């Protein structure tokens, strides 16, 4: 992912102090954050989902792409430096090479989640409790069609004069 830092090194950087929130669950910044250095935790409610210290890790991309508030809080465990793309939607439109990296990352996450759920289904296939919902989750992941992407305004050429 350090390749992403090289691609985006023209973006402004911002440093956050230990304990400071970069993204807040339920809010929408519209920004994309790329970790340059430091360590953060991703928290949903009072559950720590992960700790991240890999340079090039991205935060905020799902919120931007889905036009939804952030799904978790990203909090600095150490002083951390990020490259910041304000108005990330426009940034993705202008930098398709970064958009492809985001698409690959999201596809990788979906693939991992699907493999995990299939494994879970095999382990608990004989259960008749809440784990039987795995079928519904898999169906939703594999066959859910996104809402139509908002169309950009098309510029039309003025009518030709005779």
N, C-alpha and C. Protein backbone atom coordinates (compact mmCIF):
# COMPACT_ATOMS: atom_id res chain seq x y z
N UNK A 1 0.81 -1.20 0.00
CA UNK A 1 0.00 0.00 0.00
C UNK A 1 0.85 1.27 0.00
N UNK A 2 2.16 1.12 0.19
CA UNK A 2 2.99 2.32 0.12
C UNK A 2 2.95 2.92 -1.28
N UNK A 3 2.59 2.08 -2.28
CA UNK A 3 2.40 2.57 -3.65
C UNK A 3 1.31 3.65 -3.65
N UNK A 4 0.29 3.46 -2.84
CA UNK A 4 -0.79 4.45 -2.73
C UNK A 4 -0.26 5.77 -2.20
N UNK A 5 0.64 5.72 -1.24
CA UNK A 5 1.23 6.95 -0.70
C UNK A 5 2.00 7.68 -1.80
N UNK A 6 2.74 6.93 -2.61
CA UNK A 6 3.48 7.54 -3.71
C UNK A 6 2.53 8.19 -4.71
N UNK A 7 1.42 7.50 -5.03
CA UNK A 7 0.44 8.05 -5.98
C UNK A 7 -0.22 9.33 -5.45
N UNK A 8 -0.35 9.41 -4.14
CA UNK A 8 -1.11 10.51 -3.53
C UNK A 8 -0.25 11.50 -2.77
N UNK A 9 1.05 11.49 -3.01
CA UNK A 9 1.95 12.35 -2.22
C UNK A 9 1.73 13.84 -2.44
N UNK A 10 0.92 14.21 -3.42
CA UNK A 10 0.60 15.61 -3.65
C UNK A 10 -0.52 16.11 -2.73
N UNK A 11 -1.19 15.19 -2.05
CA UNK A 11 -2.28 15.59 -1.14
C UNK A 11 -1.72 16.25 0.11
N UNK A 12 -2.49 17.15 0.70
CA UNK A 12 -2.04 17.74 1.96
C UNK A 12 -2.01 16.68 3.06
N UNK A 13 -1.09 16.85 4.00
CA UNK A 13 -1.01 15.92 5.12
C UNK A 13 -1.57 16.58 6.38
N UNK A 14 -2.03 15.73 7.27
CA UNK A 14 -2.56 16.21 8.54
C UNK A 14 -2.10 15.24 9.63
N UNK A 15 -1.64 15.78 10.74
CA UNK A 15 -1.19 14.97 11.86
C UNK A 15 -2.20 15.06 12.99
N UNK A 16 -2.53 13.89 13.56
CA UNK A 16 -3.47 13.80 14.67
C UNK A 16 -2.73 13.30 15.91
N UNK A 17 -3.11 13.82 17.06
CA UNK A 17 -2.49 13.45 18.33
C UNK A 17 -3.02 12.10 18.81
N UNK A 18 -2.26 11.47 19.68
CA UNK A 18 -2.70 10.23 20.32
C UNK A 18 -4.05 10.49 21.00
N UNK A 19 -5.01 9.60 20.77
CA UNK A 19 -6.35 9.73 21.36
C UNK A 19 -7.33 10.53 20.53
N UNK A 20 -6.85 11.21 19.49
CA UNK A 20 -7.72 12.04 18.66
C UNK A 20 -8.46 11.18 17.63
N UNK A 21 -9.73 11.52 17.39
CA UNK A 21 -10.54 10.82 16.39
C UNK A 21 -10.29 11.41 15.02
N UNK A 22 -10.05 10.52 14.06
CA UNK A 22 -9.89 10.93 12.66
C UNK A 22 -11.26 10.90 11.98
N UNK A 23 -11.98 9.81 12.17
CA UNK A 23 -13.35 9.65 11.69
C UNK A 23 -14.23 9.30 12.88
N UNK A 24 -15.48 9.73 12.84
CA UNK A 24 -16.40 9.46 13.93
C UNK A 24 -17.60 8.69 13.40
N UNK A 25 -17.89 7.58 14.04
CA UNK A 25 -19.04 6.74 13.68
C UNK A 25 -20.30 7.60 13.63
N UNK A 26 -21.05 7.48 12.53
CA UNK A 26 -22.30 8.21 12.39
C UNK A 26 -22.18 9.58 11.76
N UNK A 27 -20.97 10.08 11.63
CA UNK A 27 -20.76 11.39 10.99
C UNK A 27 -20.25 11.15 9.58
N UNK A 28 -20.28 12.19 8.76
CA UNK A 28 -19.82 12.05 7.38
C UNK A 28 -18.89 13.21 7.06
N UNK A 29 -17.61 12.88 6.87
CA UNK A 29 -16.64 13.93 6.58
C UNK A 29 -16.50 14.18 5.08
N UNK A 30 -16.77 13.16 4.27
CA UNK A 30 -16.57 13.28 2.82
C UNK A 30 -15.11 13.19 2.43
N UNK A 31 -14.25 12.89 3.39
CA UNK A 31 -12.81 12.84 3.14
C UNK A 31 -12.30 11.41 3.09
N UNK A 32 -11.19 11.24 2.38
CA UNK A 32 -10.45 9.99 2.35
C UNK A 32 -9.15 10.23 3.09
N UNK A 33 -8.80 9.32 3.99
CA UNK A 33 -7.57 9.43 4.77
C UNK A 33 -6.66 8.26 4.43
N UNK A 34 -5.40 8.56 4.18
CA UNK A 34 -4.40 7.53 3.86
C UNK A 34 -3.32 7.63 4.94
N UNK A 35 -3.16 6.55 5.69
CA UNK A 35 -2.19 6.54 6.79
C UNK A 35 -0.76 6.56 6.24
N UNK A 36 0.01 7.53 6.69
CA UNK A 36 1.42 7.63 6.31
C UNK A 36 2.29 6.99 7.39
N UNK A 37 2.00 7.36 8.64
CA UNK A 37 2.73 6.78 9.78
C UNK A 37 1.87 6.92 11.01
N UNK A 38 2.10 6.00 11.96
CA UNK A 38 1.34 6.00 13.20
C UNK A 38 0.57 4.71 13.36
N UNK A 39 -0.32 4.71 14.35
CA UNK A 39 -1.13 3.53 14.65
C UNK A 39 -2.51 3.99 15.09
N UNK A 40 -3.54 3.39 14.52
CA UNK A 40 -4.92 3.75 14.85
C UNK A 40 -5.70 2.50 15.22
N UNK A 41 -6.82 2.72 15.87
CA UNK A 41 -7.76 1.65 16.12
C UNK A 41 -9.07 2.00 15.44
N UNK A 42 -9.76 0.96 14.99
CA UNK A 42 -11.08 1.13 14.40
C UNK A 42 -12.06 0.56 15.42
N UNK A 43 -13.01 1.41 15.85
CA UNK A 43 -13.91 1.05 16.94
C UNK A 43 -15.36 1.22 16.49
N UNK A 44 -16.19 0.23 16.81
CA UNK A 44 -17.63 0.31 16.57
C UNK A 44 -18.29 0.14 17.93
N UNK A 45 -18.94 1.21 18.39
CA UNK A 45 -19.49 1.18 19.74
C UNK A 45 -18.34 1.08 20.73
N UNK A 46 -18.38 0.04 21.57
CA UNK A 46 -17.28 -0.15 22.52
C UNK A 46 -16.40 -1.35 22.13
N UNK A 47 -16.52 -1.79 20.86
CA UNK A 47 -15.75 -2.93 20.39
C UNK A 47 -14.64 -2.46 19.44
N UNK A 48 -13.42 -2.84 19.78
CA UNK A 48 -12.30 -2.54 18.88
C UNK A 48 -12.32 -3.58 17.76
N UNK A 49 -12.49 -3.11 16.53
CA UNK A 49 -12.55 -4.01 15.38
C UNK A 49 -11.14 -4.37 14.92
N UNK A 50 -10.27 -3.38 14.88
CA UNK A 50 -8.90 -3.66 14.44
C UNK A 50 -7.96 -2.54 14.88
N UNK A 51 -6.68 -2.87 14.78
CA UNK A 51 -5.60 -1.89 14.95
C UNK A 51 -4.86 -1.86 13.62
N UNK A 52 -4.51 -0.67 13.18
CA UNK A 52 -3.88 -0.53 11.87
C UNK A 52 -2.66 0.36 12.00
N UNK A 53 -1.54 -0.12 11.44
CA UNK A 53 -0.32 0.69 11.42
C UNK A 53 0.37 0.60 10.06
N UNK A 54 -0.26 -0.05 9.09
CA UNK A 54 0.36 -0.23 7.78
C UNK A 54 0.26 1.06 6.97
N UNK A 55 1.40 1.62 6.59
CA UNK A 55 1.35 2.82 5.73
C UNK A 55 0.59 2.51 4.44
N UNK A 56 -0.28 3.44 4.08
CA UNK A 56 -1.11 3.27 2.89
C UNK A 56 -2.51 2.78 3.19
N UNK A 57 -2.78 2.43 4.45
CA UNK A 57 -4.14 2.00 4.82
C UNK A 57 -5.09 3.18 4.60
N UNK A 58 -6.28 2.87 4.09
CA UNK A 58 -7.27 3.91 3.77
C UNK A 58 -8.43 3.88 4.75
N UNK A 59 -8.97 5.06 4.99
CA UNK A 59 -10.13 5.20 5.87
C UNK A 59 -11.09 6.21 5.26
N UNK A 60 -12.37 5.92 5.35
CA UNK A 60 -13.40 6.82 4.85
C UNK A 60 -13.93 6.48 3.47
N UNK A 61 -13.29 5.52 2.79
CA UNK A 61 -13.68 5.22 1.42
C UNK A 61 -15.10 4.66 1.31
N UNK A 62 -15.51 3.83 2.25
CA UNK A 62 -16.86 3.25 2.16
C UNK A 62 -17.93 4.31 2.36
N UNK A 63 -17.71 5.19 3.29
CA UNK A 63 -18.65 6.28 3.53
C UNK A 63 -18.81 7.14 2.29
N UNK A 64 -17.71 7.44 1.65
CA UNK A 64 -17.73 8.26 0.43
C UNK A 64 -18.47 7.55 -0.69
N UNK A 65 -18.12 6.30 -0.91
CA UNK A 65 -18.69 5.56 -2.04
C UNK A 65 -20.17 5.24 -1.84
N UNK A 66 -20.58 5.03 -0.60
CA UNK A 66 -21.98 4.68 -0.32
C UNK A 66 -22.84 5.88 0.03
N UNK A 67 -22.24 7.06 0.08
CA UNK A 67 -22.98 8.28 0.48
C UNK A 67 -23.66 8.07 1.83
N UNK A 68 -22.90 7.51 2.77
CA UNK A 68 -23.43 7.22 4.10
C UNK A 68 -22.47 7.72 5.16
N UNK A 69 -22.97 7.88 6.38
CA UNK A 69 -22.07 8.25 7.48
C UNK A 69 -21.03 7.15 7.71
N UNK A 70 -19.96 7.51 8.39
CA UNK A 70 -18.91 6.54 8.72
C UNK A 70 -19.50 5.42 9.56
N UNK A 71 -19.04 4.20 9.32
CA UNK A 71 -19.57 3.02 10.00
C UNK A 71 -18.81 2.70 11.28
N UNK A 72 -17.73 3.41 11.55
CA UNK A 72 -16.93 3.18 12.74
C UNK A 72 -16.12 4.44 13.04
N UNK A 73 -15.55 4.46 14.21
CA UNK A 73 -14.65 5.55 14.60
C UNK A 73 -13.21 5.09 14.39
N UNK A 74 -12.40 5.98 13.84
CA UNK A 74 -10.96 5.72 13.70
C UNK A 74 -10.27 6.66 14.67
N UNK A 75 -9.57 6.06 15.64
CA UNK A 75 -8.92 6.84 16.71
C UNK A 75 -7.43 6.55 16.74
N UNK A 76 -6.64 7.57 16.93
CA UNK A 76 -5.18 7.43 16.95
C UNK A 76 -4.71 6.81 18.26
N UNK A 77 -3.91 5.76 18.15
CA UNK A 77 -3.28 5.15 19.31
C UNK A 77 -1.91 5.77 19.57
N UNK A 78 -1.35 6.36 18.53
CA UNK A 78 -0.10 7.13 18.62
C UNK A 78 -0.31 8.37 17.76
N UNK A 79 0.60 9.32 17.86
CA UNK A 79 0.53 10.44 16.92
C UNK A 79 0.59 9.83 15.52
N UNK A 80 -0.31 10.27 14.64
CA UNK A 80 -0.42 9.65 13.32
C UNK A 80 -0.57 10.71 12.24
N UNK A 81 0.08 10.42 11.12
CA UNK A 81 0.06 11.35 9.99
C UNK A 81 -0.70 10.71 8.82
N UNK A 82 -1.56 11.50 8.20
CA UNK A 82 -2.39 11.05 7.08
C UNK A 82 -2.26 11.99 5.90
N UNK A 83 -2.39 11.44 4.70
CA UNK A 83 -2.67 12.26 3.53
C UNK A 83 -4.18 12.35 3.47
N UNK A 84 -4.69 13.54 3.15
CA UNK A 84 -6.14 13.75 3.20
C UNK A 84 -6.65 14.26 1.86
N UNK A 85 -7.60 13.52 1.31
CA UNK A 85 -8.29 13.96 0.09
C UNK A 85 -9.65 14.49 0.52
N UNK A 86 -9.74 15.81 0.58
CA UNK A 86 -11.03 16.42 0.88
C UNK A 86 -11.88 16.30 -0.38
N UNK A 87 -13.18 16.16 -0.19
CA UNK A 87 -14.08 15.90 -1.31
C UNK A 87 -13.59 14.67 -2.07
N UNK A 88 -13.55 13.55 -1.36
CA UNK A 88 -13.00 12.32 -1.91
C UNK A 88 -13.75 11.83 -3.13
N UNK A 89 -15.02 12.12 -3.23
CA UNK A 89 -15.80 11.69 -4.40
C UNK A 89 -15.19 12.30 -5.68
N UNK A 90 -14.94 13.58 -5.62
CA UNK A 90 -14.32 14.27 -6.75
C UNK A 90 -12.90 13.74 -6.98
N UNK A 91 -12.18 13.48 -5.90
CA UNK A 91 -10.83 12.94 -5.99
C UNK A 91 -10.84 11.60 -6.73
N UNK A 92 -11.79 10.71 -6.40
CA UNK A 92 -11.89 9.42 -7.09
C UNK A 92 -12.17 9.62 -8.58
N UNK A 93 -13.04 10.56 -8.91
CA UNK A 93 -13.34 10.82 -10.32
C UNK A 93 -12.11 11.30 -11.09
N UNK A 94 -11.27 12.08 -10.43
CA UNK A 94 -10.11 12.66 -11.09
C UNK A 94 -8.87 11.75 -11.08
N UNK A 95 -8.90 10.70 -10.26
CA UNK A 95 -7.73 9.82 -10.11
C UNK A 95 -8.15 8.35 -10.21
N UNK A 96 -8.45 7.89 -11.42
CA UNK A 96 -8.93 6.51 -11.58
C UNK A 96 -7.93 5.46 -11.11
N UNK A 97 -6.64 5.77 -11.11
CA UNK A 97 -5.66 4.80 -10.63
C UNK A 97 -5.83 4.55 -9.13
N UNK A 98 -6.25 5.56 -8.38
CA UNK A 98 -6.53 5.39 -6.95
C UNK A 98 -7.86 4.67 -6.78
N UNK A 99 -8.83 5.01 -7.61
CA UNK A 99 -10.13 4.36 -7.54
C UNK A 99 -10.00 2.86 -7.78
N UNK A 100 -9.12 2.46 -8.69
CA UNK A 100 -8.89 1.04 -8.94
C UNK A 100 -8.30 0.36 -7.71
N UNK A 101 -7.40 1.02 -7.03
CA UNK A 101 -6.83 0.47 -5.79
C UNK A 101 -7.92 0.28 -4.75
N UNK A 102 -8.80 1.26 -4.63
CA UNK A 102 -9.92 1.16 -3.68
C UNK A 102 -10.83 -0.01 -4.07
N UNK A 103 -11.13 -0.15 -5.36
CA UNK A 103 -11.98 -1.25 -5.82
C UNK A 103 -11.35 -2.60 -5.50
N UNK A 104 -10.05 -2.72 -5.71
CA UNK A 104 -9.35 -3.96 -5.40
C UNK A 104 -9.37 -4.25 -3.90
N UNK A 105 -9.20 -3.22 -3.09
CA UNK A 105 -9.24 -3.39 -1.65
C UNK A 105 -10.63 -3.85 -1.20
N UNK A 106 -11.67 -3.21 -1.71
CA UNK A 106 -13.03 -3.58 -1.32
C UNK A 106 -13.39 -4.98 -1.81
N UNK A 107 -12.94 -5.34 -3.01
CA UNK A 107 -13.19 -6.70 -3.52
C UNK A 107 -12.48 -7.73 -2.64
N UNK A 108 -11.27 -7.41 -2.19
CA UNK A 108 -10.54 -8.31 -1.32
C UNK A 108 -11.26 -8.49 0.02
N UNK A 109 -11.77 -7.39 0.57
CA UNK A 109 -12.51 -7.48 1.83
C UNK A 109 -13.77 -8.32 1.66
N UNK A 110 -14.49 -8.11 0.58
CA UNK A 110 -15.72 -8.87 0.32
C UNK A 110 -15.40 -10.35 0.15
N UNK A 111 -14.33 -10.66 -0.56
CA UNK A 111 -13.93 -12.04 -0.76
C UNK A 111 -13.59 -12.71 0.57
N UNK A 112 -12.86 -12.02 1.42
CA UNK A 112 -12.51 -12.57 2.73
C UNK A 112 -13.75 -12.79 3.57
N UNK A 113 -14.65 -11.84 3.57
CA UNK A 113 -15.89 -11.96 4.34
C UNK A 113 -16.74 -13.12 3.83
N UNK A 114 -16.82 -13.26 2.53
CA UNK A 114 -17.61 -14.35 1.95
C UNK A 114 -17.01 -15.70 2.33
N UNK A 115 -15.68 -15.85 2.22
CA UNK A 115 -15.02 -17.10 2.62
C UNK A 115 -15.28 -17.40 4.09
N UNK A 116 -15.21 -16.37 4.93
CA UNK A 116 -15.46 -16.56 6.36
C UNK A 116 -16.89 -17.04 6.60
N UNK A 117 -17.84 -16.41 5.94
CA UNK A 117 -19.24 -16.80 6.15
C UNK A 117 -19.53 -18.20 5.63
N UNK A 118 -18.92 -18.58 4.52
CA UNK A 118 -19.09 -19.94 4.00
C UNK A 118 -18.51 -20.95 5.00
N UNK A 119 -17.34 -20.64 5.54
CA UNK A 119 -16.74 -21.51 6.55
C UNK A 119 -17.64 -21.62 7.77
N UNK A 120 -18.17 -20.50 8.22
CA UNK A 120 -19.09 -20.48 9.36
C UNK A 120 -20.33 -21.32 9.07
N UNK A 121 -20.84 -21.19 7.86
CA UNK A 121 -22.02 -21.96 7.46
C UNK A 121 -21.72 -23.46 7.54
N UNK A 122 -20.55 -23.88 7.05
CA UNK A 122 -20.18 -25.29 7.11
C UNK A 122 -20.05 -25.77 8.56
N UNK A 123 -19.48 -24.95 9.41
CA UNK A 123 -19.27 -25.35 10.81
C UNK A 123 -20.58 -25.50 11.58
N UNK A 124 -21.57 -24.66 11.25
CA UNK A 124 -22.80 -24.63 12.02
C UNK A 124 -24.03 -24.97 11.18
N UNK A 125 -23.82 -25.73 10.12
CA UNK A 125 -24.91 -26.06 9.19
C UNK A 125 -26.06 -26.79 9.87
N UNK A 126 -25.76 -27.58 10.89
CA UNK A 126 -26.80 -28.35 11.56
C UNK A 126 -27.51 -27.57 12.67
N UNK A 127 -27.09 -26.35 12.92
CA UNK A 127 -27.69 -25.54 13.97
C UNK A 127 -29.00 -24.93 13.50
N UNK A 128 -29.92 -24.79 14.39
CA UNK A 128 -31.22 -24.19 14.05
C UNK A 128 -31.42 -22.88 14.81
N UNK A 129 -30.33 -22.22 15.16
CA UNK A 129 -30.43 -20.97 15.90
C UNK A 129 -30.07 -19.79 15.00
N UNK A 130 -29.63 -18.71 15.59
CA UNK A 130 -29.35 -17.49 14.84
C UNK A 130 -28.26 -17.67 13.79
N UNK A 131 -27.43 -18.68 13.90
CA UNK A 131 -26.37 -18.90 12.91
C UNK A 131 -26.94 -19.34 11.56
N UNK A 132 -28.19 -19.77 11.56
CA UNK A 132 -28.80 -20.13 10.27
C UNK A 132 -29.00 -18.90 9.40
N UNK A 133 -28.86 -17.72 9.98
CA UNK A 133 -28.97 -16.47 9.21
C UNK A 133 -27.81 -16.30 8.23
N UNK A 134 -26.77 -17.10 8.35
CA UNK A 134 -25.62 -16.98 7.47
C UNK A 134 -26.06 -17.10 6.01
N UNK A 135 -27.02 -17.99 5.74
CA UNK A 135 -27.55 -18.11 4.37
C UNK A 135 -28.07 -16.79 3.85
N UNK A 136 -28.84 -16.10 4.69
CA UNK A 136 -29.41 -14.81 4.28
C UNK A 136 -28.32 -13.77 4.06
N UNK A 137 -27.32 -13.76 4.92
CA UNK A 137 -26.23 -12.80 4.78
C UNK A 137 -25.47 -13.06 3.48
N UNK A 138 -25.15 -14.33 3.22
CA UNK A 138 -24.44 -14.68 1.98
C UNK A 138 -25.26 -14.29 0.76
N UNK A 139 -26.55 -14.58 0.79
CA UNK A 139 -27.43 -14.21 -0.33
C UNK A 139 -27.41 -12.71 -0.56
N UNK A 140 -27.47 -11.97 0.52
CA UNK A 140 -27.46 -10.51 0.42
C UNK A 140 -26.14 -10.01 -0.15
N UNK A 141 -25.03 -10.56 0.31
CA UNK A 141 -23.71 -10.12 -0.16
C UNK A 141 -23.50 -10.44 -1.64
N UNK A 142 -23.95 -11.60 -2.05
CA UNK A 142 -23.65 -12.05 -3.40
C UNK A 142 -24.64 -11.56 -4.45
N UNK A 143 -25.84 -11.17 -4.03
CA UNK A 143 -26.85 -10.80 -5.02
C UNK A 143 -27.43 -9.42 -4.83
N UNK A 144 -26.93 -8.68 -3.86
CA UNK A 144 -27.43 -7.33 -3.63
C UNK A 144 -26.96 -6.41 -4.75
N UNK A 145 -27.88 -5.72 -5.35
CA UNK A 145 -27.53 -4.77 -6.40
C UNK A 145 -27.56 -3.37 -5.82
N UNK A 146 -26.50 -2.61 -6.04
CA UNK A 146 -26.45 -1.25 -5.47
C UNK A 146 -27.46 -0.34 -6.15
N UNK A 147 -27.76 0.73 -5.45
CA UNK A 147 -28.60 1.76 -6.05
C UNK A 147 -27.89 2.34 -7.26
N UNK A 148 -28.66 2.87 -8.16
CA UNK A 148 -28.07 3.50 -9.35
C UNK A 148 -27.15 4.63 -8.91
N UNK A 149 -25.95 4.69 -9.48
CA UNK A 149 -25.01 5.77 -9.19
C UNK A 149 -25.57 7.06 -9.75
N UNK A 150 -25.54 8.13 -8.97
CA UNK A 150 -26.05 9.41 -9.48
C UNK A 150 -25.31 9.79 -10.76
N UNK A 151 -26.05 10.13 -11.76
CA UNK A 151 -25.45 10.51 -13.04
C UNK A 151 -24.87 11.91 -12.95
N UNK A 152 -23.72 12.07 -13.57
CA UNK A 152 -23.12 13.39 -13.64
C UNK A 152 -23.86 14.17 -14.72
N UNK A 153 -23.97 15.44 -14.53
CA UNK A 153 -24.63 16.27 -15.53
C UNK A 153 -23.83 16.22 -16.82
N UNK A 154 -24.51 15.89 -17.88
CA UNK A 154 -23.85 15.84 -19.17
C UNK A 154 -23.96 17.18 -19.83
N UNK A 155 -22.86 17.63 -20.37
CA UNK A 155 -22.87 18.88 -21.09
C UNK A 155 -23.26 18.60 -22.52
N UNK A 156 -24.20 19.34 -22.99
CA UNK A 156 -24.62 19.14 -24.38
C UNK A 156 -24.10 20.28 -25.22
N UNK A 157 -23.75 19.93 -26.42
CA UNK A 157 -23.24 20.94 -27.32
C UNK A 157 -24.41 21.82 -27.79
N UNK A 158 -24.16 23.09 -28.00
CA UNK A 158 -25.24 23.94 -28.50
C UNK A 158 -25.65 23.47 -29.89
N UNK A 159 -26.90 23.69 -30.26
CA UNK A 159 -27.35 23.24 -31.59
C UNK A 159 -26.52 23.91 -32.68
N UNK A 160 -26.28 23.12 -33.70
CA UNK A 160 -25.50 23.65 -34.83
C UNK A 160 -26.30 24.71 -35.57
N UNK A 161 -25.60 25.75 -35.97
CA UNK A 161 -26.29 26.82 -36.70
C UNK A 161 -26.21 26.51 -38.20
N UNK A 162 -27.23 26.87 -38.93
CA UNK A 162 -27.27 26.62 -40.39
C UNK A 162 -26.58 27.70 -41.14
